[in-house]
Protein backbone atom coordinates (compact mmCIF):
# COMPACT_ATOMS: atom_id res chain seq x y z
CA UNK A 1 -11.02 -11.82 37.66
CA UNK A 2 -12.39 -8.80 36.31
CA UNK A 3 -9.43 -6.88 34.24
CA UNK A 4 -6.52 -8.52 31.65
CA UNK A 5 -2.84 -8.60 32.88
CA UNK A 6 -0.56 -6.69 30.68
CA UNK A 7 0.95 -9.95 29.47
CA UNK A 8 -2.93 -10.89 28.20
CA UNK A 9 -3.19 -7.57 27.16
CA UNK A 10 0.44 -7.59 24.92
CA UNK A 11 -0.91 -11.13 23.73
CA UNK A 12 -4.48 -9.43 22.27
CA UNK A 13 -3.10 -6.95 20.81
CA UNK A 14 0.02 -9.14 19.16
CA UNK A 15 -2.61 -11.28 17.88
CA UNK A 16 -4.60 -8.07 16.38
CA UNK A 17 -1.35 -7.03 15.09
CA UNK A 18 -0.68 -9.39 13.70
CA UNK A 19 -3.85 -10.17 11.36
CA UNK A 20 -3.65 -6.24 10.61
CA UNK A 21 -0.71 -6.81 8.91
CA UNK A 22 -2.02 -10.39 6.79
CA UNK A 23 -5.28 -7.58 6.87
CA UNK A 24 -2.31 -4.82 5.13
CA UNK A 25 -0.39 -7.67 2.87
CA UNK A 26 -4.12 -9.19 1.10
CA UNK A 27 -4.82 -5.20 0.33
CA UNK A 28 -1.12 -4.39 -1.40
CA UNK A 29 -0.66 -7.97 -3.03
CA UNK A 30 -4.75 -8.85 -3.36
CA UNK A 31 -6.34 -6.26 -4.99
CA UNK A 32 -5.72 -3.82 -7.97
CA UNK A 33 -6.08 -0.28 -7.02
CA UNK A 34 -7.45 0.87 -10.84
CA UNK A 35 -10.13 -1.89 -10.90
CA UNK A 36 -11.06 -1.57 -7.43
CA UNK A 37 -11.11 2.40 -6.98
CA UNK A 38 -11.17 3.97 -3.89
CA UNK A 39 -12.75 1.10 -1.60
CA UNK A 40 -8.84 -0.50 -2.18
CA UNK A 41 -7.42 2.85 -0.89
CA UNK A 42 -10.12 3.15 2.07
CA UNK A 43 -8.94 -0.57 3.04
CA UNK A 44 -5.37 0.32 2.52
CA UNK A 45 -5.45 2.76 4.96
CA UNK A 46 -7.41 1.56 7.89
CA UNK A 47 -5.32 -1.87 7.60
CA UNK A 48 -1.80 0.37 7.48
CA UNK A 49 -3.60 1.86 10.48
CA UNK A 50 -4.48 -0.76 12.88
CA UNK A 51 -0.90 -2.24 12.37
CA UNK A 52 0.78 1.40 12.92
CA UNK A 53 -1.48 1.48 16.22
CA UNK A 54 -0.98 -1.96 17.21
CA UNK A 55 2.67 -2.27 16.52
CA UNK A 56 2.82 1.44 18.66
CA UNK A 57 1.15 0.68 21.52
CA UNK A 58 3.06 -2.66 22.15
CA UNK A 59 6.28 -0.66 21.88
CA UNK A 60 4.88 2.04 23.66
CA UNK A 61 3.95 0.01 26.64
CA UNK A 62 6.84 -1.94 27.29
CA UNK A 63 9.16 0.76 26.74
CA UNK A 64 7.18 2.45 29.71
CA UNK A 65 6.36 -0.53 32.03
CA UNK A 66 10.42 -0.78 31.76
CA UNK A 67 11.92 2.47 32.31
CA UNK A 68 9.53 4.26 34.12
CA UNK A 69 8.46 1.62 37.49
CA UNK A 70 6.56 4.63 38.98
CA UNK A 71 3.97 5.29 36.37
CA UNK A 72 1.14 2.66 36.71
CA UNK A 73 0.67 -0.04 34.06
CA UNK A 74 -2.74 1.38 33.51
CA UNK A 75 -1.84 4.30 32.87
CA UNK A 76 1.30 3.45 31.17
CA UNK A 77 -0.90 1.29 28.52
CA UNK A 78 -3.19 4.67 28.29
CA UNK A 79 -0.62 7.11 27.25
CA UNK A 80 1.04 4.52 24.68
CA UNK A 81 -2.73 4.06 23.26
CA UNK A 82 -3.75 7.31 23.14
CA UNK A 83 0.13 8.49 20.94
CA UNK A 84 0.11 4.86 19.52
CA UNK A 85 -2.73 6.78 17.31
CA UNK A 86 -1.28 9.87 17.37
CA UNK A 87 1.77 8.67 15.79
CA UNK A 88 -0.05 6.14 13.15
CA UNK A 89 -2.39 9.44 12.02
CA UNK A 90 1.05 11.58 11.70
CA UNK A 91 2.01 8.08 9.46
CA UNK A 92 -1.61 7.90 7.21
CA UNK A 93 -1.79 11.60 7.00
CA UNK A 94 1.56 11.93 5.59
CA UNK A 95 1.56 8.86 3.67
CA UNK A 96 -2.36 10.31 1.95
CA UNK A 97 -0.42 13.86 1.59
CA UNK A 98 2.81 12.02 -0.19
CA UNK A 99 0.45 10.38 -2.67
CA UNK A 100 -0.98 13.06 -3.56
CA UNK A 101 2.02 15.37 -4.25
CA UNK A 102 1.48 17.80 -0.89
CA UNK A 103 3.96 15.77 1.10
CA UNK A 104 6.86 19.25 1.73
CA UNK A 105 9.02 19.95 5.01
CA UNK A 106 5.90 22.60 6.44
CA UNK A 107 2.60 20.48 5.45
CA UNK A 108 4.78 17.66 7.88
CA UNK A 109 5.64 20.26 10.59
CA UNK A 110 2.65 21.51 10.85
CA UNK A 111 1.22 17.90 10.91
CA UNK A 112 3.46 17.16 14.21
CA UNK A 113 3.00 20.40 15.41
CA UNK A 114 -1.39 19.96 15.65
CA UNK A 115 -0.68 16.56 16.99
CA UNK A 116 1.24 17.52 19.53
CA UNK A 117 -0.92 20.51 20.58
CA UNK A 118 -3.51 17.84 20.99
CA UNK A 119 -1.04 15.50 23.08
CA UNK A 120 -0.46 18.48 25.38
CA UNK A 121 -4.20 18.99 25.56
CA UNK A 122 -4.51 15.59 26.55
CA UNK A 123 -2.01 16.08 29.46
CA UNK A 124 -2.48 19.54 30.42
CA UNK A 125 -6.57 17.97 30.71
CA UNK A 126 -5.34 14.88 33.11
CA UNK A 127 -3.40 16.84 35.46
CA UNK A 128 -6.16 19.74 35.78
């Protein structure tokens, strides 16, 4: 068979998400950010990003498959992955802004509006 089943996809993504969580824990508890410099922060953001994307994609896919029987499974997975990436970007940019004391209600709203417009673009492009 050429394609993964939904169960296989969710199991693989769960495995990858657990590995990303483990990597994030290693970065958080095993690396001294003072001596490691910028590489530690890059590693932290990459591992946290992978964790967020994986978990949000799993949750979004499960939600869509169980609540919307009319939607094709492939479409549900694609939409969940895209929105998982977008929500992870919001979370990581928010974390970065907070670490540099730039996180305000206005920067948060601007970020959410921007990512909503990007999502709207994808939805409009798919219909068109």
